Amino acid sequence: MKKILLGAVLCLFCALQMSAQSYNEDQLEGVWELAGDGGDYNDYIGSITKMKIGDQIRIDKGVDFYSGFIEFKFTNKMKELEESAGYESSRDMDDEKILDYFITGNDRLHLIVGDQFSLHFKIVELDGHTMKLQTKKGIMTFNKTATNVQNIAVETGKSEQARYNIKGQRITRPEKGINIVRMSDNSSRKEFVR
């Protein structure tokens, strides 16, 4: 009887493991906007209003490569802390670069935001249109926004416009290591050259 019960419990455990959803980083790429008011991430970082996840290149005084950008609101508690430390807290919104993002354990999303902090979420739902992320304060729901370019299903003749090494230096041909390729439609991609 014990063997039968143990076998049934093991079968149930295996079935639950098989039905567990697993996600990958490709599903995250795109622009995600907060649906409704959402909730705060924690006591200091309030709601995350927008996330651009995927390769981004900014060309200002050089070439900077990021894995995206995030817009969020600070809570009143954070503003009070800044004021007590002597900083001016006039900003309501902040825009930070995402240095990297990855999923661990099939449902844990990690965003490394600038040099300042990392954000950790449990993915509750992720499909082509909706992303629900669990935080300590509740669930944030995001909707994927489609750009006009994404709505057009016509294949355009994209060509390589520029190529950069990982240091942001422009190169004329593929070099060993990570190459950042900017295309004629202003999209960019990482390419690993052996």
N, C-alpha and C. Protein backbone atom coordinates (compact mmCIF):
# COMPACT_ATOMS: atom_id res chain seq x y z
N MET A 1 0.83 -1.19 0.00
CA MET A 1 0.00 0.00 0.00
C MET A 1 0.87 1.26 0.00
N LYS A 2 1.96 1.23 0.78
CA LYS A 2 2.86 2.39 0.83
C LYS A 2 3.51 2.64 -0.51
N LYS A 3 3.88 1.54 -1.22
CA LYS A 3 4.52 1.68 -2.53
C LYS A 3 3.55 2.30 -3.54
N ILE A 4 2.31 1.89 -3.48
CA ILE A 4 1.30 2.43 -4.40
C ILE A 4 1.08 3.92 -4.12
N LEU A 5 0.99 4.27 -2.84
CA LEU A 5 0.79 5.67 -2.46
C LEU A 5 2.00 6.52 -2.85
N LEU A 6 3.19 5.99 -2.62
CA LEU A 6 4.41 6.71 -2.99
C LEU A 6 4.49 6.88 -4.51
N GLY A 7 4.13 5.84 -5.25
CA GLY A 7 4.12 5.92 -6.72
C GLY A 7 3.13 6.96 -7.23
N ALA A 8 1.95 7.01 -6.59
CA ALA A 8 0.94 8.00 -7.00
C ALA A 8 1.42 9.42 -6.72
N VAL A 9 2.06 9.62 -5.57
CA VAL A 9 2.58 10.95 -5.23
C VAL A 9 3.68 11.35 -6.21
N LEU A 10 4.57 10.44 -6.56
CA LEU A 10 5.63 10.73 -7.53
C LEU A 10 5.05 11.06 -8.91
N CYS A 11 4.04 10.32 -9.33
CA CYS A 11 3.38 10.61 -10.62
C CYS A 11 2.74 12.00 -10.61
N LEU A 12 2.08 12.34 -9.51
CA LEU A 12 1.46 13.65 -9.39
C LEU A 12 2.51 14.75 -9.42
N PHE A 13 3.62 14.54 -8.72
CA PHE A 13 4.71 15.51 -8.70
C PHE A 13 5.28 15.70 -10.10
N CYS A 14 5.50 14.61 -10.82
CA CYS A 14 6.02 14.69 -12.19
C CYS A 14 5.04 15.41 -13.12
N ALA A 15 3.75 15.14 -12.95
CA ALA A 15 2.75 15.81 -13.77
C ALA A 15 2.73 17.31 -13.52
N LEU A 16 2.88 17.71 -12.26
CA LEU A 16 2.92 19.13 -11.94
C LEU A 16 4.16 19.78 -12.53
N GLN A 17 5.29 19.10 -12.48
CA GLN A 17 6.53 19.64 -13.05
C GLN A 17 6.40 19.77 -14.56
N MET A 18 5.76 18.80 -15.21
CA MET A 18 5.61 18.84 -16.67
C MET A 18 4.69 19.98 -17.09
N SER A 19 3.66 20.27 -16.26
CA SER A 19 2.71 21.31 -16.63
C SER A 19 3.20 22.70 -16.26
N ALA A 20 4.32 22.80 -15.54
CA ALA A 20 4.85 24.11 -15.17
C ALA A 20 5.29 24.86 -16.43
N GLN A 21 4.91 26.10 -16.52
CA GLN A 21 5.25 26.93 -17.67
C GLN A 21 6.70 27.36 -17.58
N SER A 22 7.40 27.31 -18.69
CA SER A 22 8.75 27.86 -18.72
C SER A 22 8.78 28.94 -19.81
N TYR A 23 9.53 29.98 -19.56
CA TYR A 23 9.58 31.13 -20.45
C TYR A 23 11.02 31.31 -20.93
N ASN A 24 11.19 32.06 -22.01
CA ASN A 24 12.54 32.38 -22.46
C ASN A 24 12.65 33.87 -22.76
N GLU A 25 13.89 34.33 -22.88
CA GLU A 25 14.14 35.76 -23.04
C GLU A 25 13.55 36.33 -24.33
N ASP A 26 13.42 35.51 -25.38
CA ASP A 26 12.87 36.00 -26.65
C ASP A 26 11.44 36.49 -26.49
N GLN A 27 10.69 35.90 -25.58
CA GLN A 27 9.31 36.33 -25.35
C GLN A 27 9.24 37.71 -24.72
N LEU A 28 10.33 38.16 -24.08
CA LEU A 28 10.34 39.45 -23.40
C LEU A 28 10.57 40.62 -24.32
N GLU A 29 11.20 40.39 -25.46
CA GLU A 29 11.62 41.49 -26.32
C GLU A 29 10.43 42.27 -26.85
N GLY A 30 10.55 43.59 -26.76
CA GLY A 30 9.50 44.49 -27.22
C GLY A 30 9.28 45.61 -26.24
N VAL A 31 8.24 46.38 -26.47
CA VAL A 31 7.89 47.50 -25.60
C VAL A 31 6.65 47.11 -24.81
N TRP A 32 6.78 47.17 -23.48
CA TRP A 32 5.70 46.79 -22.57
C TRP A 32 5.26 48.01 -21.78
N GLU A 33 3.96 48.30 -21.79
CA GLU A 33 3.42 49.43 -21.04
C GLU A 33 2.49 48.92 -19.96
N LEU A 34 2.53 49.59 -18.81
CA LEU A 34 1.71 49.21 -17.66
C LEU A 34 0.24 49.36 -18.00
N ALA A 35 -0.55 48.34 -17.70
CA ALA A 35 -1.99 48.37 -17.92
C ALA A 35 -2.65 48.86 -16.64
N GLY A 36 -3.33 49.99 -16.69
CA GLY A 36 -3.99 50.54 -15.50
C GLY A 36 -2.97 51.14 -14.55
N ASP A 37 -3.36 51.21 -13.29
CA ASP A 37 -2.48 51.80 -12.28
C ASP A 37 -1.39 50.84 -11.84
N GLY A 38 -1.66 49.55 -11.91
CA GLY A 38 -0.68 48.56 -11.47
C GLY A 38 -0.44 48.67 -9.99
N GLY A 39 0.73 48.33 -9.57
CA GLY A 39 1.09 48.40 -8.17
C GLY A 39 2.54 48.81 -8.04
N ASP A 40 2.96 49.07 -6.82
CA ASP A 40 4.34 49.45 -6.58
C ASP A 40 5.22 48.21 -6.60
N TYR A 41 6.49 48.39 -7.00
CA TYR A 41 7.45 47.29 -6.97
C TYR A 41 7.86 46.99 -5.53
N ASN A 42 8.24 48.04 -4.80
CA ASN A 42 8.54 47.90 -3.37
C ASN A 42 8.28 49.24 -2.70
N ASP A 43 8.79 49.45 -1.49
CA ASP A 43 8.52 50.69 -0.76
C ASP A 43 9.21 51.91 -1.37
N TYR A 44 10.20 51.72 -2.21
CA TYR A 44 10.99 52.82 -2.75
C TYR A 44 10.74 53.05 -4.24
N ILE A 45 10.69 51.97 -4.99
CA ILE A 45 10.38 52.07 -6.42
C ILE A 45 8.91 51.81 -6.58
N GLY A 46 8.22 52.77 -7.16
CA GLY A 46 6.78 52.64 -7.33
C GLY A 46 6.45 51.81 -8.55
N SER A 47 5.46 52.24 -9.29
CA SER A 47 5.04 51.47 -10.45
C SER A 47 6.02 51.66 -11.60
N ILE A 48 6.20 50.59 -12.34
CA ILE A 48 7.03 50.61 -13.54
C ILE A 48 6.07 50.89 -14.69
N THR A 49 6.24 52.02 -15.35
CA THR A 49 5.26 52.43 -16.35
C THR A 49 5.54 51.89 -17.74
N LYS A 50 6.83 51.67 -18.07
CA LYS A 50 7.17 51.22 -19.41
C LYS A 50 8.51 50.50 -19.39
N MET A 51 8.61 49.43 -20.18
CA MET A 51 9.87 48.70 -20.34
C MET A 51 10.11 48.46 -21.82
N LYS A 52 11.30 48.82 -22.29
CA LYS A 52 11.73 48.49 -23.64
C LYS A 52 12.81 47.43 -23.47
N ILE A 53 12.47 46.20 -23.81
CA ILE A 53 13.41 45.10 -23.62
C ILE A 53 13.89 44.61 -24.97
N GLY A 54 15.18 44.54 -25.12
CA GLY A 54 15.81 44.12 -26.37
C GLY A 54 16.99 45.03 -26.65
N ASP A 55 17.79 44.66 -27.61
CA ASP A 55 19.02 45.39 -27.91
C ASP A 55 18.73 46.83 -28.31
N GLN A 56 19.44 47.75 -27.68
CA GLN A 56 19.29 49.19 -27.94
C GLN A 56 20.67 49.79 -28.11
N ILE A 57 20.83 50.66 -29.07
CA ILE A 57 22.09 51.39 -29.25
C ILE A 57 21.76 52.87 -29.20
N ARG A 58 22.48 53.60 -28.36
CA ARG A 58 22.37 55.06 -28.32
C ARG A 58 23.68 55.64 -28.79
N ILE A 59 23.59 56.56 -29.73
CA ILE A 59 24.78 57.20 -30.25
C ILE A 59 24.73 58.66 -29.83
N ASP A 60 25.53 59.03 -28.84
CA ASP A 60 25.65 60.40 -28.37
C ASP A 60 27.10 60.84 -28.58
N LYS A 61 27.89 60.77 -27.53
CA LYS A 61 29.31 61.08 -27.61
C LYS A 61 30.13 59.84 -27.94
N GLY A 62 29.46 58.77 -28.14
CA GLY A 62 30.05 57.48 -28.48
C GLY A 62 28.91 56.53 -28.74
N VAL A 63 29.22 55.28 -28.85
CA VAL A 63 28.20 54.28 -29.07
C VAL A 63 28.01 53.53 -27.75
N ASP A 64 26.78 53.53 -27.25
CA ASP A 64 26.45 52.80 -26.03
C ASP A 64 25.46 51.71 -26.38
N PHE A 65 25.72 50.52 -25.88
CA PHE A 65 24.88 49.36 -26.14
C PHE A 65 24.21 48.95 -24.84
N TYR A 66 22.88 48.83 -24.86
CA TYR A 66 22.11 48.43 -23.69
C TYR A 66 21.16 47.30 -24.08
N SER A 67 20.60 46.67 -23.06
CA SER A 67 19.60 45.63 -23.29
C SER A 67 18.19 46.16 -23.11
N GLY A 68 18.05 47.48 -23.07
CA GLY A 68 16.73 48.08 -22.97
C GLY A 68 16.68 49.26 -22.03
N PHE A 69 15.48 49.77 -21.81
CA PHE A 69 15.25 50.92 -20.93
C PHE A 69 14.00 50.66 -20.11
N ILE A 70 13.96 51.30 -18.95
CA ILE A 70 12.82 51.13 -18.06
C ILE A 70 12.42 52.49 -17.51
N GLU A 71 11.12 52.76 -17.45
CA GLU A 71 10.60 53.99 -16.86
C GLU A 71 9.81 53.61 -15.61
N PHE A 72 10.06 54.32 -14.52
CA PHE A 72 9.37 54.00 -13.27
C PHE A 72 9.16 55.27 -12.47
N LYS A 73 8.28 55.18 -11.48
CA LYS A 73 7.99 56.30 -10.58
C LYS A 73 8.58 55.97 -9.21
N PHE A 74 9.12 56.98 -8.54
CA PHE A 74 9.56 56.80 -7.17
C PHE A 74 8.38 56.95 -6.23
N THR A 75 8.43 56.27 -5.08
CA THR A 75 7.38 56.42 -4.07
C THR A 75 7.67 57.65 -3.22
N ASN A 76 6.70 58.08 -2.46
CA ASN A 76 6.89 59.21 -1.55
C ASN A 76 7.97 58.91 -0.51
N LYS A 77 8.07 57.67 -0.09
CA LYS A 77 9.10 57.28 0.88
C LYS A 77 10.50 57.52 0.32
N MET A 78 10.70 57.21 -0.95
CA MET A 78 12.00 57.45 -1.59
C MET A 78 12.27 58.95 -1.70
N LYS A 79 11.27 59.72 -2.05
CA LYS A 79 11.44 61.17 -2.15
C LYS A 79 11.80 61.77 -0.80
N GLU A 80 11.15 61.29 0.27
CA GLU A 80 11.47 61.78 1.62
C GLU A 80 12.90 61.41 2.02
N LEU A 81 13.35 60.21 1.65
CA LEU A 81 14.73 59.80 1.94
C LEU A 81 15.74 60.68 1.20
N GLU A 82 15.45 60.98 -0.06
CA GLU A 82 16.34 61.85 -0.83
C GLU A 82 16.41 63.24 -0.21
N GLU A 83 15.26 63.79 0.18
CA GLU A 83 15.23 65.12 0.80
C GLU A 83 15.98 65.14 2.12
N SER A 84 15.82 64.08 2.94
CA SER A 84 16.52 64.03 4.23
C SER A 84 18.04 63.89 4.04
N ALA A 85 18.46 63.34 2.90
CA ALA A 85 19.89 63.21 2.61
C ALA A 85 20.45 64.44 1.92
N GLY A 86 19.60 65.43 1.66
CA GLY A 86 20.06 66.67 1.04
C GLY A 86 19.97 66.70 -0.46
N TYR A 87 19.30 65.72 -1.07
CA TYR A 87 19.14 65.70 -2.53
C TYR A 87 17.81 66.33 -2.90
N GLU A 88 17.78 66.92 -4.06
CA GLU A 88 16.54 67.50 -4.56
C GLU A 88 15.70 66.38 -5.17
N SER A 89 14.47 66.25 -4.75
CA SER A 89 13.62 65.15 -5.23
C SER A 89 12.47 65.68 -6.07
N SER A 90 12.77 66.47 -7.06
CA SER A 90 11.73 67.07 -7.89
C SER A 90 11.25 66.13 -9.00
N ARG A 91 11.97 65.07 -9.24
CA ARG A 91 11.61 64.18 -10.34
C ARG A 91 10.52 63.20 -9.94
N ASP A 92 9.54 63.05 -10.78
CA ASP A 92 8.47 62.09 -10.54
C ASP A 92 8.74 60.79 -11.29
N MET A 93 9.35 60.91 -12.46
CA MET A 93 9.63 59.74 -13.29
C MET A 93 11.13 59.62 -13.47
N ASP A 94 11.60 58.42 -13.67
CA ASP A 94 13.00 58.20 -13.95
C ASP A 94 13.09 57.23 -15.12
N ASP A 95 14.11 57.39 -15.94
CA ASP A 95 14.36 56.56 -17.09
C ASP A 95 15.76 55.98 -16.92
N GLU A 96 15.86 54.68 -16.78
CA GLU A 96 17.14 54.03 -16.56
C GLU A 96 17.39 53.00 -17.64
N LYS A 97 18.65 52.75 -17.92
CA LYS A 97 19.02 51.73 -18.90
C LYS A 97 19.02 50.36 -18.24
N ILE A 98 18.63 49.36 -19.00
CA ILE A 98 18.72 47.97 -18.56
C ILE A 98 20.01 47.42 -19.14
N LEU A 99 20.93 47.02 -18.27
CA LEU A 99 22.19 46.47 -18.74
C LEU A 99 22.06 45.03 -19.19
N ASP A 100 21.21 44.27 -18.51
CA ASP A 100 21.01 42.87 -18.89
C ASP A 100 19.71 42.37 -18.28
N TYR A 101 19.16 41.33 -18.85
CA TYR A 101 17.97 40.68 -18.33
C TYR A 101 18.08 39.19 -18.60
N PHE A 102 17.55 38.38 -17.69
CA PHE A 102 17.59 36.95 -17.87
C PHE A 102 16.52 36.29 -17.01
N ILE A 103 16.18 35.05 -17.37
CA ILE A 103 15.19 34.27 -16.65
C ILE A 103 15.89 33.07 -16.02
N THR A 104 15.63 32.85 -14.75
CA THR A 104 16.17 31.68 -14.06
C THR A 104 15.02 30.86 -13.49
N GLY A 105 15.26 29.58 -13.31
CA GLY A 105 14.26 28.71 -12.71
C GLY A 105 12.94 28.68 -13.45
N ASN A 106 12.95 28.94 -14.75
CA ASN A 106 11.77 28.92 -15.63
C ASN A 106 10.78 30.05 -15.42
N ASP A 107 10.80 30.76 -14.27
CA ASP A 107 9.79 31.79 -14.06
C ASP A 107 10.29 32.98 -13.25
N ARG A 108 11.58 33.16 -13.10
CA ARG A 108 12.13 34.29 -12.34
C ARG A 108 12.82 35.25 -13.30
N LEU A 109 12.27 36.45 -13.42
CA LEU A 109 12.83 37.48 -14.30
C LEU A 109 13.73 38.40 -13.49
N HIS A 110 14.93 38.62 -13.98
CA HIS A 110 15.90 39.51 -13.35
C HIS A 110 16.27 40.61 -14.34
N LEU A 111 16.16 41.87 -13.89
CA LEU A 111 16.57 43.02 -14.70
C LEU A 111 17.69 43.73 -13.96
N ILE A 112 18.84 43.87 -14.60
CA ILE A 112 19.94 44.64 -14.02
C ILE A 112 19.80 46.06 -14.57
N VAL A 113 19.48 47.00 -13.69
CA VAL A 113 19.13 48.36 -14.08
C VAL A 113 20.28 49.30 -13.72
N GLY A 114 20.95 49.82 -14.76
CA GLY A 114 22.05 50.76 -14.54
C GLY A 114 23.07 50.21 -13.56
N ASP A 115 23.75 51.11 -12.88
CA ASP A 115 24.72 50.71 -11.87
C ASP A 115 24.09 50.68 -10.49
N GLN A 116 22.79 50.96 -10.41
CA GLN A 116 22.18 51.22 -9.12
C GLN A 116 21.51 50.01 -8.48
N PHE A 117 20.75 49.22 -9.23
CA PHE A 117 19.97 48.18 -8.59
C PHE A 117 19.55 47.11 -9.58
N SER A 118 19.01 46.03 -9.06
CA SER A 118 18.44 44.95 -9.86
C SER A 118 16.99 44.76 -9.43
N LEU A 119 16.15 44.39 -10.36
CA LEU A 119 14.75 44.10 -10.08
C LEU A 119 14.51 42.62 -10.30
N HIS A 120 13.71 42.01 -9.41
CA HIS A 120 13.43 40.59 -9.48
C HIS A 120 11.91 40.39 -9.46
N PHE A 121 11.42 39.58 -10.38
CA PHE A 121 10.00 39.31 -10.49
C PHE A 121 9.76 37.81 -10.63
N LYS A 122 8.56 37.39 -10.30
CA LYS A 122 8.09 36.06 -10.67
C LYS A 122 7.14 36.27 -11.84
N ILE A 123 7.38 35.55 -12.92
CA ILE A 123 6.51 35.66 -14.10
C ILE A 123 5.27 34.82 -13.85
N VAL A 124 4.12 35.48 -13.84
CA VAL A 124 2.85 34.79 -13.65
C VAL A 124 2.27 34.41 -15.01
N GLU A 125 2.41 35.32 -15.99
CA GLU A 125 1.89 35.07 -17.33
C GLU A 125 2.76 35.84 -18.32
N LEU A 126 3.05 35.21 -19.45
CA LEU A 126 3.83 35.87 -20.50
C LEU A 126 3.45 35.26 -21.83
N ASP A 127 2.85 36.08 -22.69
CA ASP A 127 2.55 35.64 -24.05
C ASP A 127 2.84 36.79 -25.00
N GLY A 128 2.39 36.73 -26.19
CA GLY A 128 2.70 37.75 -27.18
C GLY A 128 2.08 39.12 -26.91
N HIS A 129 1.11 39.21 -25.98
CA HIS A 129 0.41 40.46 -25.75
C HIS A 129 0.40 40.91 -24.30
N THR A 130 0.51 39.98 -23.35
CA THR A 130 0.37 40.30 -21.94
C THR A 130 1.51 39.72 -21.13
N MET A 131 1.97 40.49 -20.14
CA MET A 131 2.97 40.01 -19.20
C MET A 131 2.52 40.41 -17.80
N LYS A 132 2.38 39.41 -16.92
CA LYS A 132 2.01 39.66 -15.53
C LYS A 132 3.20 39.26 -14.66
N LEU A 133 3.67 40.23 -13.86
CA LEU A 133 4.83 40.02 -13.01
C LEU A 133 4.43 40.17 -11.55
N GLN A 134 4.80 39.21 -10.72
CA GLN A 134 4.52 39.23 -9.29
C GLN A 134 5.67 39.92 -8.55
N THR A 135 5.33 40.88 -7.70
CA THR A 135 6.30 41.53 -6.81
C THR A 135 5.84 41.30 -5.38
N LYS A 136 6.60 41.80 -4.43
CA LYS A 136 6.20 41.69 -3.02
C LYS A 136 4.93 42.48 -2.75
N LYS A 137 4.69 43.51 -3.55
CA LYS A 137 3.53 44.39 -3.35
C LYS A 137 2.30 43.98 -4.15
N GLY A 138 2.44 43.03 -5.06
CA GLY A 138 1.28 42.62 -5.86
C GLY A 138 1.68 42.25 -7.27
N ILE A 139 0.71 42.25 -8.17
CA ILE A 139 0.95 41.87 -9.56
C ILE A 139 0.89 43.10 -10.44
N MET A 140 1.90 43.24 -11.30
CA MET A 140 1.92 44.30 -12.31
C MET A 140 1.57 43.66 -13.65
N THR A 141 0.63 44.25 -14.37
CA THR A 141 0.22 43.74 -15.67
C THR A 141 0.68 44.71 -16.75
N PHE A 142 1.37 44.19 -17.75
CA PHE A 142 1.87 44.98 -18.87
C PHE A 142 1.28 44.46 -20.16
N ASN A 143 1.02 45.39 -21.08
CA ASN A 143 0.57 45.04 -22.42
C ASN A 143 1.67 45.41 -23.40
N LYS A 144 1.88 44.53 -24.38
CA LYS A 144 2.89 44.79 -25.41
C LYS A 144 2.31 45.75 -26.43
N THR A 145 3.06 46.80 -26.71
CA THR A 145 2.60 47.77 -27.70
C THR A 145 3.23 47.45 -29.03
N ALA A 146 2.44 47.50 -30.06
CA ALA A 146 2.93 47.23 -31.41
C ALA A 146 3.21 48.55 -32.10
N THR A 147 4.38 48.66 -32.68
CA THR A 147 4.69 49.86 -33.45
C THR A 147 4.12 49.68 -34.85
N ASN A 148 4.11 50.76 -35.62
CA ASN A 148 3.62 50.69 -36.99
C ASN A 148 4.46 49.72 -37.81
N VAL A 149 5.75 49.66 -37.51
CA VAL A 149 6.62 48.75 -38.26
C VAL A 149 6.25 47.31 -37.95
N GLN A 150 5.91 47.00 -36.69
CA GLN A 150 5.54 45.64 -36.34
C GLN A 150 4.22 45.23 -36.96
N ASN A 151 3.33 46.18 -37.22
CA ASN A 151 2.04 45.86 -37.80
C ASN A 151 2.13 45.52 -39.28
N ILE A 152 3.16 45.95 -39.96
CA ILE A 152 3.32 45.69 -41.38
C ILE A 152 4.06 44.38 -41.56
N ALA A 153 3.48 43.47 -42.29
CA ALA A 153 4.07 42.15 -42.45
C ALA A 153 4.84 42.04 -43.77
N VAL A 154 5.34 43.14 -44.28
CA VAL A 154 6.07 43.15 -45.53
C VAL A 154 7.56 43.02 -45.23
N GLU A 155 8.24 42.14 -45.91
CA GLU A 155 9.68 41.96 -45.73
C GLU A 155 10.40 43.05 -46.51
N THR A 156 11.18 43.83 -45.80
CA THR A 156 11.94 44.88 -46.45
C THR A 156 13.37 44.41 -46.63
N GLY A 157 14.06 44.99 -47.59
CA GLY A 157 15.45 44.63 -47.85
C GLY A 157 16.36 45.32 -46.87
N LYS A 158 16.57 44.72 -45.69
CA LYS A 158 17.45 45.31 -44.69
C LYS A 158 18.89 45.01 -45.07
N SER A 159 19.73 45.98 -44.83
CA SER A 159 21.15 45.77 -45.06
C SER A 159 21.94 46.32 -43.88
N GLU A 160 23.14 45.82 -43.73
CA GLU A 160 24.00 46.25 -42.64
C GLU A 160 24.52 47.66 -42.92
N GLN A 161 24.32 48.58 -41.96
CA GLN A 161 24.78 49.96 -42.11
C GLN A 161 26.10 50.20 -41.41
N ALA A 162 26.26 49.62 -40.22
CA ALA A 162 27.48 49.84 -39.44
C ALA A 162 27.70 48.64 -38.53
N ARG A 163 28.94 48.47 -38.13
CA ARG A 163 29.32 47.37 -37.25
C ARG A 163 30.27 47.93 -36.19
N TYR A 164 30.02 47.54 -34.93
CA TYR A 164 30.82 48.03 -33.81
C TYR A 164 31.32 46.84 -32.99
N ASN A 165 32.47 47.00 -32.34
CA ASN A 165 32.94 45.98 -31.40
C ASN A 165 32.31 46.27 -30.04
N ILE A 166 32.61 45.45 -29.06
CA ILE A 166 31.98 45.57 -27.74
C ILE A 166 32.40 46.87 -27.03
N LYS A 167 33.52 47.47 -27.45
CA LYS A 167 33.98 48.73 -26.87
C LYS A 167 33.28 49.93 -27.50
N GLY A 168 32.48 49.69 -28.52
CA GLY A 168 31.77 50.78 -29.19
C GLY A 168 32.55 51.39 -30.33
N GLN A 169 33.65 50.78 -30.72
CA GLN A 169 34.46 51.29 -31.82
C GLN A 169 33.93 50.73 -33.13
N ARG A 170 33.82 51.61 -34.12
CA ARG A 170 33.32 51.17 -35.42
C ARG A 170 34.38 50.31 -36.11
N ILE A 171 33.93 49.19 -36.68
CA ILE A 171 34.84 48.28 -37.39
C ILE A 171 34.31 48.09 -38.80
N THR A 172 35.19 47.69 -39.71
CA THR A 172 34.81 47.57 -41.12
C THR A 172 34.41 46.17 -41.52
N ARG A 173 34.83 45.17 -40.74
CA ARG A 173 34.48 43.78 -41.03
C ARG A 173 34.29 43.03 -39.72
N PRO A 174 33.67 41.86 -39.77
CA PRO A 174 33.46 41.11 -38.53
C PRO A 174 34.78 40.80 -37.83
N GLU A 175 34.79 41.02 -36.51
CA GLU A 175 35.96 40.72 -35.70
C GLU A 175 35.60 39.68 -34.66
N LYS A 176 36.57 38.95 -34.20
CA LYS A 176 36.36 37.91 -33.20
C LYS A 176 35.77 38.51 -31.93
N GLY A 177 34.74 37.85 -31.38
CA GLY A 177 34.07 38.33 -30.19
C GLY A 177 32.66 38.79 -30.51
N ILE A 178 32.14 39.68 -29.69
CA ILE A 178 30.78 40.19 -29.88
C ILE A 178 30.83 41.41 -30.79
N ASN A 179 30.05 41.38 -31.86
CA ASN A 179 29.90 42.49 -32.78
C ASN A 179 28.48 43.02 -32.65
N ILE A 180 28.33 44.33 -32.68
CA ILE A 180 27.01 44.96 -32.66
C ILE A 180 26.75 45.49 -34.06
N VAL A 181 25.68 45.01 -34.67
CA VAL A 181 25.40 45.34 -36.07
C VAL A 181 24.16 46.23 -36.12
N ARG A 182 24.31 47.42 -36.74
CA ARG A 182 23.17 48.32 -36.94
C ARG A 182 22.71 48.16 -38.39
N MET A 183 21.40 47.93 -38.55
CA MET A 183 20.84 47.67 -39.86
C MET A 183 20.24 48.95 -40.47
N SER A 184 19.87 48.88 -41.74
CA SER A 184 19.35 50.04 -42.45
C SER A 184 18.01 50.52 -41.90
N ASP A 185 17.27 49.65 -41.20
CA ASP A 185 15.99 50.07 -40.61
C ASP A 185 16.16 50.55 -39.17
N ASN A 186 17.40 50.87 -38.76
CA ASN A 186 17.77 51.35 -37.42
C ASN A 186 17.60 50.32 -36.33
N SER A 187 17.37 49.07 -36.68
CA SER A 187 17.38 48.02 -35.68
C SER A 187 18.83 47.60 -35.44
N SER A 188 19.06 46.90 -34.36
CA SER A 188 20.41 46.43 -34.08
C SER A 188 20.33 45.02 -33.53
N ARG A 189 21.45 44.33 -33.62
CA ARG A 189 21.52 42.96 -33.09
C ARG A 189 22.94 42.66 -32.67
N LYS A 190 23.04 41.71 -31.74
CA LYS A 190 24.34 41.23 -31.31
C LYS A 190 24.72 40.04 -32.19
N GLU A 191 26.00 39.95 -32.53
CA GLU A 191 26.48 38.83 -33.33
C GLU A 191 27.78 38.34 -32.71
N PHE A 192 27.85 37.05 -32.43
CA PHE A 192 29.06 36.47 -31.87
C PHE A 192 29.88 35.87 -33.01
N VAL A 193 31.12 36.34 -33.16
CA VAL A 193 31.99 35.89 -34.24
C VAL A 193 33.10 35.06 -33.63
N ARG A 194 33.31 33.86 -34.13
CA ARG A 194 34.40 33.00 -33.62
C ARG A 194 35.65 33.15 -34.42
